[in-house]
């Protein structure tokens, strides 16, 4: 476990957890958030998960499966619908006292989106947000309906407890995208999912991780 503290009047401890099972990290960040006090220093956890589907509290599609194609489905307390996590995806969990930093949830979500967009731009992958569908998207020929000509490259989902956030964002760098085809990603049947490699970026995951960390710390 790597531990560094960012500079500034409101420091953030950075922890790089490597590759971990989702359930282990989920229970750890939830327990950590519930135990924190007004004096607890904020943290940013960066991790890669073993294959898992997670189902949020706001499903647009009802899906009660406990596994899909041998991959477990875990019900969690973040917002949003179902998504997939797996190797080749960078997951960032900003454990932030929003009240102490004077942030509303909507502002916090914009910070996460902007950090991903800045990260992708650094590797020549233009990205944008989609009105009414949280997350970050990139241009991709094809598709249909409201997502024609685009695909999701990063998903977002947060939960706030006593003014403090947990969960966060997942950026697809170089992963097996096939598990997404078994679900309606984030509850949208027409939504396609892509990653940086599919869009022509050969960036090393370690370089993307460094840039995403830098962008998040600068904005938070």
Protein backbone atom coordinates (compact mmCIF):
# COMPACT_ATOMS: atom_id res chain seq x y z
CA UNK A 1 0.00 0.00 0.00
CA UNK A 2 1.44 3.33 -1.10
CA UNK A 3 0.73 6.35 1.11
CA UNK A 4 1.43 9.95 0.14
CA UNK A 5 -0.08 13.22 1.25
CA UNK A 6 -0.81 15.92 -1.30
CA UNK A 7 0.30 19.50 -0.54
CA UNK A 8 -2.14 22.24 0.33
CA UNK A 9 -4.23 23.50 3.23
CA UNK A 10 -6.59 20.51 2.91
CA UNK A 11 -4.29 17.52 2.41
CA UNK A 12 -5.33 14.24 0.80
CA UNK A 13 -3.69 10.91 1.57
CA UNK A 14 -3.19 8.83 -1.60
CA UNK A 15 -3.34 5.06 -1.31
CA UNK A 16 -2.52 2.80 -4.24
CA UNK A 17 -4.08 -0.54 -3.48
CA UNK A 18 -3.02 -2.50 -6.55
CA UNK A 19 -5.43 -5.22 -7.69
CA UNK A 20 -8.01 -6.15 -5.06
CA UNK A 21 -11.37 -7.98 -4.88
CA UNK A 22 -14.22 -5.48 -5.06
CA UNK A 23 -16.06 -6.65 -1.92
CA UNK A 24 -12.96 -6.22 0.23
CA UNK A 25 -12.40 -2.63 -0.88
CA UNK A 26 -16.10 -1.73 -0.77
CA UNK A 27 -16.44 -2.85 2.84
CA UNK A 28 -13.19 -1.10 3.77
CA UNK A 29 -14.13 2.29 2.29
CA UNK A 30 -17.63 2.15 3.72
CA UNK A 31 -16.33 1.26 7.19
CA UNK A 32 -13.61 3.91 6.96
CA UNK A 33 -16.16 6.58 5.98
CA UNK A 34 -18.58 5.66 8.76
CA UNK A 35 -15.77 5.78 11.33
CA UNK A 36 -14.24 9.08 10.21
CA UNK A 37 -14.49 12.23 12.33
CA UNK A 38 -14.34 15.94 11.58
CA UNK A 39 -10.55 15.74 11.95
CA UNK A 40 -10.01 12.77 9.64
CA UNK A 41 -7.76 13.61 6.68
CA UNK A 42 -9.37 12.94 3.29
CA UNK A 43 -8.05 10.06 1.20
CA UNK A 44 -7.91 9.01 -2.44
CA UNK A 45 -7.86 5.26 -3.09
CA UNK A 46 -6.67 4.04 -6.49
CA UNK A 47 -7.31 0.40 -7.33
CA UNK A 48 -7.88 -2.21 -10.01
CA UNK A 49 -10.57 -4.83 -9.34
CA UNK A 50 -10.99 -8.48 -10.09
CA UNK A 51 -13.95 -9.01 -12.48
CA UNK A 52 -17.25 -7.98 -10.87
CA UNK A 53 -20.59 -6.41 -11.72
CA UNK A 54 -21.93 -3.82 -9.27
CA UNK A 55 -25.56 -2.74 -9.00
CA UNK A 56 -26.32 0.70 -7.58
CA UNK A 57 -29.38 1.96 -5.73
CA UNK A 58 -31.11 3.57 -8.72
CA UNK A 59 -31.69 0.77 -11.24
CA UNK A 60 -33.28 1.74 -14.54
CA UNK A 61 -33.50 -1.96 -15.37
CA UNK A 62 -34.49 -4.61 -12.86
CA UNK A 63 -31.84 -7.33 -12.62
CA UNK A 64 -31.79 -9.68 -9.66
CA UNK A 65 -29.02 -12.00 -10.86
CA UNK A 66 -26.26 -12.78 -8.37
CA UNK A 67 -23.80 -13.74 -11.12
CA UNK A 68 -23.53 -13.26 -14.87
CA UNK A 69 -21.36 -15.59 -16.90
CA UNK A 70 -19.51 -16.65 -13.78
CA UNK A 71 -18.82 -13.05 -12.72
CA UNK A 72 -20.40 -12.07 -9.38
CA UNK A 73 -22.97 -9.28 -9.05
CA UNK A 74 -22.65 -7.15 -5.91
CA UNK A 75 -25.42 -4.79 -4.73
CA UNK A 76 -23.93 -1.54 -3.41
CA UNK A 77 -25.09 1.77 -1.95
CA UNK A 78 -23.82 4.15 -4.63
CA UNK A 79 -26.12 5.88 -7.09
CA UNK A 80 -26.62 4.54 -10.58
CA UNK A 81 -27.41 1.20 -12.16
CA UNK A 82 -25.24 -1.78 -13.11
CA UNK A 83 -21.69 -1.56 -14.37
CA UNK A 84 -18.66 -3.79 -14.72
CA UNK A 85 -15.21 -3.53 -13.14
CA UNK A 86 -12.22 -5.58 -14.20
CA UNK A 87 -8.50 -5.67 -14.96
CA UNK A 88 -7.29 -2.84 -17.18
CA UNK A 89 -9.65 -0.32 -15.57
CA UNK A 90 -8.48 2.36 -13.13
CA UNK A 91 -10.91 2.89 -10.26
CA UNK A 92 -10.59 6.00 -8.09
CA UNK A 93 -12.38 6.35 -4.76
CA UNK A 94 -12.12 9.94 -3.43
CA UNK A 95 -13.08 9.73 0.27
CA UNK A 96 -13.76 13.42 0.74
CA UNK A 97 -15.39 15.52 3.45
CA UNK A 98 -17.50 17.61 1.08
CA UNK A 99 -18.80 19.92 3.81
CA UNK A 100 -15.30 20.77 4.99
CA UNK A 101 -14.28 21.64 1.42
CA UNK A 102 -17.51 23.58 0.76
CA UNK A 103 -18.57 21.27 -2.08
CA UNK A 104 -22.07 20.30 -3.12
CA UNK A 105 -22.57 16.83 -4.61
CA UNK A 106 -23.17 18.20 -8.10
CA UNK A 107 -19.95 20.23 -7.93
CA UNK A 108 -18.08 17.16 -6.74
CA UNK A 109 -19.39 15.09 -9.67
CA UNK A 110 -18.27 17.84 -12.08
CA UNK A 111 -14.79 17.68 -10.54
CA UNK A 112 -14.64 13.93 -11.17
CA UNK A 113 -15.84 14.34 -14.75
CA UNK A 114 -13.40 17.18 -15.47
CA UNK A 115 -10.50 15.19 -14.00
CA UNK A 116 -11.23 12.26 -16.32
CA UNK A 117 -11.60 14.54 -19.35
CA UNK A 118 -8.27 16.22 -18.56
CA UNK A 119 -6.61 12.83 -18.14
CA UNK A 120 -7.90 11.54 -21.47
CA UNK A 121 -6.88 14.76 -23.25
CA UNK A 122 -3.32 14.25 -22.02
CA UNK A 123 -3.27 11.03 -24.04
CA UNK A 124 -4.98 12.52 -27.12
CA UNK A 125 -8.41 11.04 -26.41
CA UNK A 126 -11.07 13.78 -26.68
CA UNK A 127 -13.93 13.21 -24.23
CA UNK A 128 -17.11 14.91 -23.06
CA UNK A 129 -20.13 14.54 -20.80
CA UNK A 130 -23.61 13.51 -21.95
CA UNK A 131 -26.63 15.48 -20.74
CA UNK A 132 -28.87 13.25 -18.64
CA UNK A 133 -26.48 10.26 -18.55
CA UNK A 134 -23.68 10.61 -15.95
CA UNK A 135 -20.17 9.61 -16.88
CA UNK A 136 -17.60 10.52 -19.52
CA UNK A 137 -17.95 9.68 -23.21
CA UNK A 138 -15.84 9.59 -26.35
CA UNK A 139 -16.74 9.75 -30.02
CA UNK A 140 -17.20 6.33 -31.65
CA UNK A 141 -18.81 5.70 -35.02
CA UNK A 142 -22.03 3.70 -35.06
CA UNK A 143 -24.57 3.12 -32.35
CA UNK A 144 -28.17 4.22 -32.20
CA UNK A 145 -30.62 6.35 -30.29
CA UNK A 146 -29.38 9.01 -27.86
CA UNK A 147 -25.89 7.49 -27.82
CA UNK A 148 -25.34 7.39 -31.57
CA UNK A 149 -21.77 8.29 -32.43
CA UNK A 150 -20.45 7.95 -28.89
CA UNK A 151 -19.55 5.42 -26.20
CA UNK A 152 -18.91 5.58 -22.48
CA UNK A 153 -15.29 5.43 -21.41
CA UNK A 154 -15.66 6.24 -17.70
CA UNK A 155 -18.49 5.64 -15.24
CA UNK A 156 -19.29 7.62 -12.09
CA UNK A 157 -21.26 6.76 -8.99
CA UNK A 158 -21.01 8.27 -5.52
CA UNK A 159 -22.63 8.02 -2.12
CA UNK A 160 -22.56 10.69 0.58
CA UNK A 161 -22.79 9.84 4.28
CA UNK A 162 -22.77 12.62 6.89
CA UNK A 163 -21.34 15.00 4.32
CA UNK A 164 -18.51 12.65 3.26
CA UNK A 165 -18.24 10.87 -0.07
CA UNK A 166 -17.24 7.38 -1.06
CA UNK A 167 -17.35 5.30 -4.26
CA UNK A 168 -16.16 7.36 -7.24
CA UNK A 169 -15.16 6.72 -10.85
CA UNK A 170 -13.87 4.00 -13.14
CA UNK A 171 -11.80 4.79 -16.25
CA UNK A 172 -11.46 2.13 -18.95
CA UNK A 173 -7.84 2.00 -20.11
CA UNK A 174 -7.02 -1.40 -21.63
CA UNK A 175 -9.55 -4.05 -20.68
CA UNK A 176 -11.68 -6.91 -21.94
CA UNK A 177 -14.89 -5.08 -22.85
CA UNK A 178 -16.95 -8.22 -23.55
CA UNK A 179 -18.53 -8.43 -20.05
CA UNK A 180 -20.30 -5.11 -20.74
CA UNK A 181 -22.26 -6.80 -23.55
CA UNK A 182 -24.04 -9.03 -21.00
CA UNK A 183 -25.72 -6.05 -19.30
CA UNK A 184 -27.39 -2.74 -20.08
CA UNK A 185 -24.45 -0.57 -18.94
CA UNK A 186 -25.64 1.96 -16.35
CA UNK A 187 -29.21 0.93 -17.23
CA UNK A 188 -29.16 2.07 -20.87
CA UNK A 189 -29.81 -0.64 -23.48
CA UNK A 190 -28.34 1.37 -26.37
CA UNK A 191 -25.19 2.44 -24.53
CA UNK A 192 -21.88 1.13 -25.83
CA UNK A 193 -18.68 1.04 -23.79
CA UNK A 194 -15.13 1.63 -24.99
CA UNK A 195 -11.63 2.04 -23.60
CA UNK A 196 -8.52 4.04 -24.39
CA UNK A 197 -6.89 1.20 -26.30
CA UNK A 198 -9.91 0.78 -28.61
CA UNK A 199 -9.71 4.49 -29.38
CA UNK A 200 -6.09 4.22 -30.48
CA UNK A 201 -4.26 5.16 -27.30
CA UNK A 202 -1.28 3.01 -26.39
CA UNK A 203 -0.80 4.73 -23.05
CA UNK A 204 0.55 2.58 -20.25
CA UNK A 205 -1.95 2.14 -17.40
CA UNK A 206 0.71 3.38 -14.96
CA UNK A 207 1.00 6.67 -16.87
CA UNK A 208 -2.78 7.09 -16.95
CA UNK A 209 -2.92 6.41 -13.22
CA UNK A 210 -0.35 9.11 -12.52
CA UNK A 211 -2.20 11.67 -14.63
CA UNK A 212 -5.60 10.86 -13.14
CA UNK A 213 -4.19 11.18 -9.63
CA UNK A 214 -2.62 14.53 -10.54
CA UNK A 215 -5.86 15.85 -12.05
CA UNK A 216 -8.00 14.79 -9.09
CA UNK A 217 -5.65 16.25 -6.50
CA UNK A 218 -5.37 19.54 -8.38
CA UNK A 219 -9.15 19.97 -8.43
CA UNK A 220 -9.88 18.71 -4.94
